[in-house]
Amino acid sequence: MTNSLEILIDPLIRNRLESLYNELKNNNSDFKQISCEAEQYIKAIREALTDNLKQTLFLYEDSQFTIQTILETKIYLQGFKDALHLFNEIHITIR
């Protein structure tokens, strides 16, 4: 059941996270500044590396992206479950 819920809700989570990211990117100056700094740091690292290490950095970034994607999905799904649980608790208490 849990896996099927995750599969069904995954497109919703992806769309919502993309929407939140775009909102932050367009409206949050701190987020924009830190993102820009991070891009400059990674660019400097890439330029300083040998071709062999550039491939290693690429693989590292790819694995970090995968970890972040899994984590975002789990956090969002847990928040959804927590909200449903809280709603049920409030509904039971009000009765």
Protein backbone atom coordinates (compact mmCIF):
# COMPACT_ATOMS: atom_id res chain seq x y z
CA MET A 1 0.00 0.00 0.00
CA THR A 2 2.72 2.48 0.96
CA ASN A 3 4.69 1.83 -2.22
CA SER A 4 1.61 2.23 -4.38
CA LEU A 5 0.80 5.51 -2.61
CA GLU A 6 4.33 6.72 -3.29
CA ILE A 7 4.06 5.78 -6.97
CA LEU A 8 0.68 7.51 -7.33
CA ILE A 9 1.72 10.66 -5.51
CA ASP A 10 5.20 10.96 -7.10
CA PRO A 11 4.08 13.19 -10.02
CA LEU A 12 2.29 15.49 -7.56
CA ILE A 13 5.41 15.70 -5.40
CA ARG A 14 7.68 16.38 -8.40
CA ASN A 15 5.37 19.15 -9.67
CA ARG A 16 5.03 20.72 -6.24
CA LEU A 17 8.76 20.65 -5.53
CA GLU A 18 9.49 22.16 -8.94
CA SER A 19 6.93 24.88 -8.24
CA LEU A 20 8.47 25.61 -4.83
CA TYR A 21 11.96 25.70 -6.34
CA ASN A 22 10.85 28.16 -9.03
CA GLU A 23 9.14 30.32 -6.42
CA LEU A 24 12.30 30.40 -4.31
CA LYS A 25 14.49 31.06 -7.34
CA ASN A 26 12.31 33.96 -8.45
CA ASN A 27 11.32 35.52 -5.12
CA ASN A 28 13.87 34.71 -2.42
CA SER A 29 17.03 36.82 -2.53
CA ASP A 30 18.87 34.62 -0.01
CA PHE A 31 18.16 31.52 -2.06
CA LYS A 32 19.28 33.24 -5.26
CA GLN A 33 22.49 34.49 -3.65
CA ILE A 34 23.42 31.13 -2.13
CA SER A 35 22.59 29.32 -5.37
CA CYS A 36 24.81 31.71 -7.31
CA GLU A 37 27.66 31.25 -4.83
CA ALA A 38 27.32 27.46 -4.99
CA GLU A 39 27.49 27.57 -8.80
CA GLN A 40 30.63 29.71 -8.65
CA TYR A 41 32.27 27.32 -6.15
CA ILE A 42 31.51 24.23 -8.23
CA LYS A 43 32.73 25.99 -11.38
CA ALA A 44 36.03 26.85 -9.64
CA ILE A 45 36.40 23.26 -8.45
CA ARG A 46 35.73 21.88 -11.94
CA GLU A 47 38.27 24.21 -13.52
CA ALA A 48 40.93 23.14 -11.02
CA LEU A 49 40.43 19.40 -11.52
CA THR A 50 42.05 17.01 -13.93
CA ASP A 51 39.79 15.30 -16.48
CA ASN A 52 39.79 12.11 -14.41
CA LEU A 53 38.70 13.97 -11.28
CA LYS A 54 36.11 15.94 -13.26
CA GLN A 55 34.45 12.60 -14.04
CA THR A 56 34.61 11.68 -10.36
CA LEU A 57 33.03 15.03 -9.44
CA PHE A 58 30.30 14.43 -12.02
CA LEU A 59 29.55 11.03 -10.49
CA TYR A 60 29.52 12.58 -7.01
CA GLU A 61 27.10 15.32 -8.10
CA ASP A 62 24.88 12.73 -9.77
CA SER A 63 24.74 10.61 -6.62
CA GLN A 64 24.04 13.71 -4.50
CA PHE A 65 21.19 14.66 -6.84
CA THR A 66 19.71 11.18 -6.50
CA ILE A 67 20.00 11.30 -2.71
CA GLN A 68 18.36 14.75 -2.66
CA THR A 69 15.51 13.55 -4.88
CA ILE A 70 14.83 10.54 -2.65
CA LEU A 71 15.02 12.68 0.48
CA GLU A 72 12.69 15.36 -0.92
CA THR A 73 10.13 12.74 -1.89
CA LYS A 74 10.26 11.02 1.50
CA ILE A 75 10.02 14.31 3.40
CA TYR A 76 7.10 15.52 1.30
CA LEU A 77 5.29 12.19 1.61
CA GLN A 78 5.88 12.08 5.38
CA GLY A 79 4.52 15.63 5.69
CA PHE A 80 1.43 14.53 3.76
CA LYS A 81 0.99 11.51 6.06
CA ASP A 82 1.52 13.70 9.14
CA ALA A 83 -1.12 16.15 7.91
CA LEU A 84 -3.62 13.32 7.39
CA HIS A 85 -2.85 11.93 10.83
CA LEU A 86 -3.26 15.36 12.42
CA PHE A 87 -6.52 15.89 10.54
CA ASN A 88 -7.83 12.55 11.83
CA GLU A 89 -6.75 13.37 15.39
CA ILE A 90 -8.47 16.75 15.26
CA HIS A 91 -11.57 15.22 13.69
CA ILE A 92 -11.72 12.54 16.43
CA THR A 93 -11.17 15.15 19.18
CA ILE A 94 -13.93 17.41 17.88
CA ARG A 95 -16.49 14.60 17.95
